[in-house]
């Protein structure tokens, strides 16, 4: 399963940077490959096209606004990392193919 992630922004909370790093070491245990890149809209486009299965981000999710609709239109599931519906004011994002969303939520929730 190809997975993607954003990254902690420089100068942000050190706890957030540590959580982001922990996710990068956790995800490869369950994913075929993990891509960390910006902008996230590229990863969301890959997910909508079926070339990526999961994308997650812990912070700065307003930048996801343009990419969320194509994922949803393609049948993907987009929530926060608590499983609640995603919205621009949400503080995290998990976008995934419907068959892997629940498993990704379990892996990334601690």
N, C-alpha and C. Protein backbone atom coordinates (compact mmCIF):
# COMPACT_ATOMS: atom_id res chain seq x y z
N UNK A 1 0.83 -1.16 0.00
CA UNK A 1 0.00 0.00 0.00
C UNK A 1 0.89 1.24 0.00
N UNK A 2 0.87 2.04 -1.03
CA UNK A 2 1.60 3.31 -1.04
C UNK A 2 0.92 4.31 -0.11
N UNK A 3 1.71 5.00 0.71
CA UNK A 3 1.18 5.97 1.66
C UNK A 3 1.96 7.27 1.55
N UNK A 4 1.31 8.37 1.85
CA UNK A 4 1.97 9.67 1.79
C UNK A 4 1.74 10.46 3.05
N UNK A 5 2.61 11.38 3.30
CA UNK A 5 2.52 12.23 4.47
C UNK A 5 3.12 13.59 4.19
N UNK A 6 2.65 14.56 4.92
CA UNK A 6 3.28 15.88 4.89
C UNK A 6 4.41 15.87 5.90
N UNK A 7 4.84 17.03 6.29
CA UNK A 7 5.94 17.11 7.25
C UNK A 7 5.67 18.22 8.23
N UNK A 8 6.32 18.16 9.38
CA UNK A 8 6.18 19.23 10.37
C UNK A 8 6.86 20.48 9.83
N UNK A 9 6.22 21.61 10.03
CA UNK A 9 6.81 22.86 9.56
C UNK A 9 7.90 23.31 10.52
N UNK A 10 8.98 23.86 10.01
CA UNK A 10 10.03 24.38 10.89
C UNK A 10 9.47 25.42 11.86
N UNK A 11 9.94 25.36 13.10
CA UNK A 11 9.51 26.32 14.09
C UNK A 11 8.23 25.96 14.82
N UNK A 12 7.59 24.86 14.42
CA UNK A 12 6.37 24.44 15.10
C UNK A 12 6.71 23.72 16.39
N UNK A 13 5.72 23.40 17.11
CA UNK A 13 5.79 22.68 18.38
C UNK A 13 6.68 21.43 18.26
N UNK A 14 7.69 21.27 19.12
CA UNK A 14 8.57 20.10 19.08
C UNK A 14 7.82 18.78 19.24
N UNK A 15 6.72 18.78 20.01
CA UNK A 15 5.92 17.56 20.17
C UNK A 15 5.30 17.14 18.84
N UNK A 16 4.86 18.12 18.05
CA UNK A 16 4.31 17.82 16.73
C UNK A 16 5.38 17.23 15.82
N UNK A 17 6.57 17.78 15.85
CA UNK A 17 7.66 17.24 15.04
C UNK A 17 7.98 15.80 15.45
N UNK A 18 7.95 15.52 16.75
CA UNK A 18 8.21 14.16 17.22
C UNK A 18 7.09 13.21 16.79
N UNK A 19 5.85 13.66 16.86
CA UNK A 19 4.72 12.82 16.43
C UNK A 19 4.81 12.54 14.93
N UNK A 20 5.18 13.54 14.16
CA UNK A 20 5.34 13.34 12.72
C UNK A 20 6.44 12.33 12.44
N UNK A 21 7.57 12.44 13.14
CA UNK A 21 8.66 11.49 12.97
C UNK A 21 8.26 10.08 13.37
N UNK A 22 7.50 9.95 14.46
CA UNK A 22 7.02 8.64 14.90
C UNK A 22 6.12 8.00 13.85
N UNK A 23 5.27 8.80 13.23
CA UNK A 23 4.40 8.27 12.19
C UNK A 23 5.22 7.79 10.99
N UNK A 24 6.30 8.51 10.68
CA UNK A 24 7.15 8.09 9.56
C UNK A 24 7.83 6.75 9.85
N UNK A 25 8.10 6.44 11.11
CA UNK A 25 8.71 5.14 11.42
C UNK A 25 7.65 4.06 11.60
N UNK A 26 6.42 4.44 11.93
CA UNK A 26 5.33 3.46 12.10
C UNK A 26 4.75 3.04 10.76
N UNK A 27 4.54 3.99 9.87
CA UNK A 27 3.87 3.70 8.60
C UNK A 27 4.59 2.65 7.74
N UNK A 28 5.93 2.64 7.65
CA UNK A 28 6.57 1.63 6.80
C UNK A 28 6.34 0.19 7.26
N UNK A 29 5.97 -0.02 8.52
CA UNK A 29 5.65 -1.37 8.97
C UNK A 29 4.37 -1.90 8.35
N UNK A 30 3.53 -1.01 7.83
CA UNK A 30 2.25 -1.41 7.27
C UNK A 30 2.05 -0.99 5.82
N UNK A 31 2.98 -0.24 5.27
CA UNK A 31 2.83 0.27 3.90
C UNK A 31 3.98 -0.20 3.03
N UNK A 32 3.72 -0.35 1.77
CA UNK A 32 4.74 -0.74 0.81
C UNK A 32 5.80 0.34 0.69
N UNK A 33 5.37 1.59 0.63
CA UNK A 33 6.30 2.71 0.60
C UNK A 33 5.62 3.93 1.19
N UNK A 34 6.42 4.83 1.72
CA UNK A 34 5.90 6.07 2.31
C UNK A 34 6.60 7.23 1.64
N UNK A 35 5.83 8.17 1.14
CA UNK A 35 6.35 9.35 0.47
C UNK A 35 6.06 10.57 1.34
N UNK A 36 7.07 11.31 1.68
CA UNK A 36 6.89 12.57 2.39
C UNK A 36 7.22 13.69 1.42
N UNK A 37 6.22 14.50 1.09
CA UNK A 37 6.46 15.57 0.13
C UNK A 37 5.45 16.69 0.31
N UNK A 38 5.76 17.81 -0.24
CA UNK A 38 4.85 18.95 -0.29
C UNK A 38 4.85 19.45 -1.73
N UNK A 39 3.81 20.01 -2.24
CA UNK A 39 2.55 20.27 -1.57
C UNK A 39 1.71 19.00 -1.48
N UNK A 40 0.85 18.96 -0.49
CA UNK A 40 0.04 17.78 -0.25
C UNK A 40 -1.01 17.57 -1.33
N UNK A 41 -1.36 18.60 -2.06
CA UNK A 41 -2.36 18.41 -3.11
C UNK A 41 -1.88 17.41 -4.16
N UNK A 42 -0.58 17.32 -4.36
CA UNK A 42 -0.05 16.30 -5.28
C UNK A 42 -0.32 14.90 -4.77
N UNK A 43 -0.12 14.68 -3.48
CA UNK A 43 -0.41 13.37 -2.90
C UNK A 43 -1.90 13.06 -2.95
N UNK A 44 -2.73 14.05 -2.66
CA UNK A 44 -4.17 13.82 -2.71
C UNK A 44 -4.63 13.53 -4.14
N UNK A 45 -4.01 14.15 -5.13
CA UNK A 45 -4.33 13.84 -6.52
C UNK A 45 -3.94 12.40 -6.85
N UNK A 46 -2.80 11.95 -6.33
CA UNK A 46 -2.38 10.56 -6.55
C UNK A 46 -3.37 9.60 -5.90
N UNK A 47 -3.86 9.95 -4.73
CA UNK A 47 -4.85 9.11 -4.05
C UNK A 47 -6.14 9.06 -4.85
N UNK A 48 -6.61 10.21 -5.32
CA UNK A 48 -7.84 10.26 -6.11
C UNK A 48 -7.70 9.45 -7.40
N UNK A 49 -6.50 9.40 -7.96
CA UNK A 49 -6.26 8.65 -9.20
C UNK A 49 -6.04 7.16 -8.96
N UNK A 50 -5.96 6.75 -7.68
CA UNK A 50 -5.78 5.33 -7.38
C UNK A 50 -4.33 4.89 -7.35
N UNK A 51 -3.39 5.82 -7.36
CA UNK A 51 -1.97 5.46 -7.33
C UNK A 51 -1.37 5.54 -5.93
N UNK A 52 -2.15 5.95 -4.97
CA UNK A 52 -1.73 6.01 -3.57
C UNK A 52 -2.94 5.59 -2.75
N UNK A 53 -2.71 4.93 -1.61
CA UNK A 53 -3.82 4.44 -0.80
C UNK A 53 -4.14 5.30 0.41
N UNK A 54 -3.13 5.98 0.96
CA UNK A 54 -3.32 6.71 2.22
C UNK A 54 -2.51 8.00 2.19
N UNK A 55 -3.08 9.04 2.75
CA UNK A 55 -2.34 10.28 3.02
C UNK A 55 -2.75 10.74 4.40
N UNK A 56 -1.77 11.16 5.22
CA UNK A 56 -2.07 11.69 6.54
C UNK A 56 -1.25 12.94 6.80
N UNK A 57 -1.82 13.81 7.62
CA UNK A 57 -1.09 14.99 8.06
C UNK A 57 -1.64 15.40 9.42
N UNK A 58 -0.73 15.79 10.33
CA UNK A 58 -1.12 16.16 11.68
C UNK A 58 -1.42 17.64 11.84
N UNK A 59 -0.96 18.49 10.94
CA UNK A 59 -1.08 19.92 11.15
C UNK A 59 -1.16 20.62 9.80
N UNK A 60 -1.54 21.90 9.81
CA UNK A 60 -1.58 22.72 8.61
C UNK A 60 -2.44 22.08 7.52
N UNK A 61 -3.65 21.66 7.88
CA UNK A 61 -4.48 20.95 6.91
C UNK A 61 -5.35 21.86 6.05
N UNK A 62 -5.31 23.18 6.30
CA UNK A 62 -6.03 24.09 5.39
C UNK A 62 -5.52 23.93 3.97
N UNK A 63 -4.24 23.55 3.84
CA UNK A 63 -3.66 23.37 2.50
C UNK A 63 -4.27 22.17 1.77
N UNK A 64 -5.06 21.37 2.45
CA UNK A 64 -5.69 20.19 1.84
C UNK A 64 -6.99 20.53 1.11
N UNK A 65 -7.50 21.72 1.31
CA UNK A 65 -8.83 22.07 0.83
C UNK A 65 -9.02 21.74 -0.65
N UNK A 66 -8.08 22.10 -1.50
CA UNK A 66 -8.23 21.85 -2.95
C UNK A 66 -8.14 20.37 -3.30
N UNK A 67 -7.45 19.57 -2.50
CA UNK A 67 -7.27 18.17 -2.83
C UNK A 67 -8.30 17.22 -2.26
N UNK A 68 -9.04 17.66 -1.26
CA UNK A 68 -10.00 16.78 -0.60
C UNK A 68 -11.17 16.41 -1.52
N UNK A 69 -11.72 17.37 -2.23
CA UNK A 69 -12.87 17.10 -3.09
C UNK A 69 -12.59 16.01 -4.13
N UNK A 70 -11.47 16.06 -4.88
CA UNK A 70 -11.22 14.98 -5.84
C UNK A 70 -11.12 13.60 -5.17
N UNK A 71 -10.55 13.54 -3.97
CA UNK A 71 -10.48 12.26 -3.25
C UNK A 71 -11.88 11.77 -2.95
N UNK A 72 -12.73 12.65 -2.42
CA UNK A 72 -14.10 12.26 -2.10
C UNK A 72 -14.88 11.89 -3.36
N UNK A 73 -14.71 12.64 -4.43
CA UNK A 73 -15.41 12.33 -5.69
C UNK A 73 -14.98 11.00 -6.27
N UNK A 74 -13.74 10.59 -5.98
CA UNK A 74 -13.24 9.30 -6.47
C UNK A 74 -13.64 8.15 -5.54
N UNK A 75 -14.36 8.46 -4.45
CA UNK A 75 -14.81 7.42 -3.53
C UNK A 75 -13.96 7.25 -2.30
N UNK A 76 -12.95 8.11 -2.13
CA UNK A 76 -12.09 8.03 -0.96
C UNK A 76 -12.77 8.56 0.29
N UNK A 77 -12.21 8.21 1.42
CA UNK A 77 -12.73 8.65 2.72
C UNK A 77 -11.77 9.68 3.29
N UNK A 78 -12.29 10.81 3.75
CA UNK A 78 -11.46 11.87 4.31
C UNK A 78 -12.02 12.23 5.69
N UNK A 79 -11.18 12.04 6.72
CA UNK A 79 -11.57 12.37 8.09
C UNK A 79 -10.39 13.05 8.79
N UNK A 80 -10.60 13.41 10.05
CA UNK A 80 -9.46 13.79 10.86
C UNK A 80 -8.89 12.50 11.45
N UNK A 81 -7.87 12.59 12.28
CA UNK A 81 -7.25 11.38 12.82
C UNK A 81 -8.01 10.79 14.01
N UNK A 82 -9.19 11.34 14.27
CA UNK A 82 -10.10 10.74 15.25
C UNK A 82 -11.25 10.05 14.53
N UNK A 83 -11.25 10.11 13.20
CA UNK A 83 -12.31 9.50 12.41
C UNK A 83 -13.52 10.39 12.18
N UNK A 84 -13.45 11.64 12.60
CA UNK A 84 -14.54 12.59 12.39
C UNK A 84 -14.42 13.20 11.00
N UNK A 85 -15.53 13.60 10.38
CA UNK A 85 -15.47 14.20 9.04
C UNK A 85 -14.48 15.36 8.98
N UNK A 86 -13.71 15.41 7.90
CA UNK A 86 -12.71 16.46 7.72
C UNK A 86 -13.38 17.75 7.31
N UNK A 87 -12.86 18.86 7.79
CA UNK A 87 -13.27 20.20 7.35
C UNK A 87 -12.04 21.10 7.45
N UNK A 88 -12.03 22.24 6.78
CA UNK A 88 -10.83 23.09 6.78
C UNK A 88 -10.35 23.51 8.17
N UNK A 89 -11.23 23.57 9.16
CA UNK A 89 -10.82 23.97 10.51
C UNK A 89 -10.28 22.80 11.32
N UNK A 90 -10.35 21.59 10.79
CA UNK A 90 -9.85 20.41 11.47
C UNK A 90 -8.33 20.51 11.61
N UNK A 91 -7.77 19.92 12.65
CA UNK A 91 -6.32 20.03 12.88
C UNK A 91 -5.52 18.84 12.35
N UNK A 92 -6.17 17.85 11.76
CA UNK A 92 -5.45 16.71 11.19
C UNK A 92 -6.24 16.19 9.99
N UNK A 93 -5.59 15.33 9.21
CA UNK A 93 -6.27 14.80 8.02
C UNK A 93 -5.81 13.38 7.75
N UNK A 94 -6.75 12.50 7.47
CA UNK A 94 -6.47 11.16 6.98
C UNK A 94 -7.36 10.94 5.77
N UNK A 95 -6.76 10.83 4.61
CA UNK A 95 -7.48 10.56 3.38
C UNK A 95 -7.02 9.19 2.91
N UNK A 96 -7.98 8.34 2.55
CA UNK A 96 -7.61 6.97 2.20
C UNK A 96 -8.65 6.33 1.29
N UNK A 97 -8.21 5.29 0.61
CA UNK A 97 -9.13 4.46 -0.13
C UNK A 97 -10.09 3.83 0.88
N UNK A 98 -11.35 3.62 0.50
CA UNK A 98 -12.34 3.15 1.48
C UNK A 98 -11.96 1.83 2.15
N UNK A 99 -11.31 0.94 1.45
CA UNK A 99 -10.96 -0.36 2.02
C UNK A 99 -9.81 -0.34 3.00
N UNK A 100 -9.07 0.77 3.07
CA UNK A 100 -7.92 0.82 3.99
C UNK A 100 -8.03 1.94 5.03
N UNK A 101 -9.05 2.76 4.95
CA UNK A 101 -9.17 3.90 5.86
C UNK A 101 -9.19 3.46 7.33
N UNK A 102 -10.01 2.48 7.68
CA UNK A 102 -10.12 2.05 9.07
C UNK A 102 -8.79 1.51 9.59
N UNK A 103 -8.10 0.71 8.78
CA UNK A 103 -6.80 0.17 9.20
C UNK A 103 -5.78 1.28 9.37
N UNK A 104 -5.77 2.25 8.46
CA UNK A 104 -4.83 3.38 8.57
C UNK A 104 -5.13 4.19 9.83
N UNK A 105 -6.39 4.37 10.14
CA UNK A 105 -6.78 5.10 11.35
C UNK A 105 -6.26 4.38 12.59
N UNK A 106 -6.37 3.06 12.61
CA UNK A 106 -5.86 2.27 13.74
C UNK A 106 -4.35 2.41 13.87
N UNK A 107 -3.64 2.36 12.78
CA UNK A 107 -2.16 2.43 12.80
C UNK A 107 -1.68 3.79 13.27
N UNK A 108 -2.36 4.85 12.84
CA UNK A 108 -1.89 6.21 13.11
C UNK A 108 -2.45 6.82 14.38
N UNK A 109 -3.32 6.13 15.07
CA UNK A 109 -3.91 6.66 16.30
C UNK A 109 -3.21 6.04 17.49
N UNK A 110 -2.61 6.90 18.31
CA UNK A 110 -1.99 6.45 19.55
C UNK A 110 -2.09 7.51 20.61
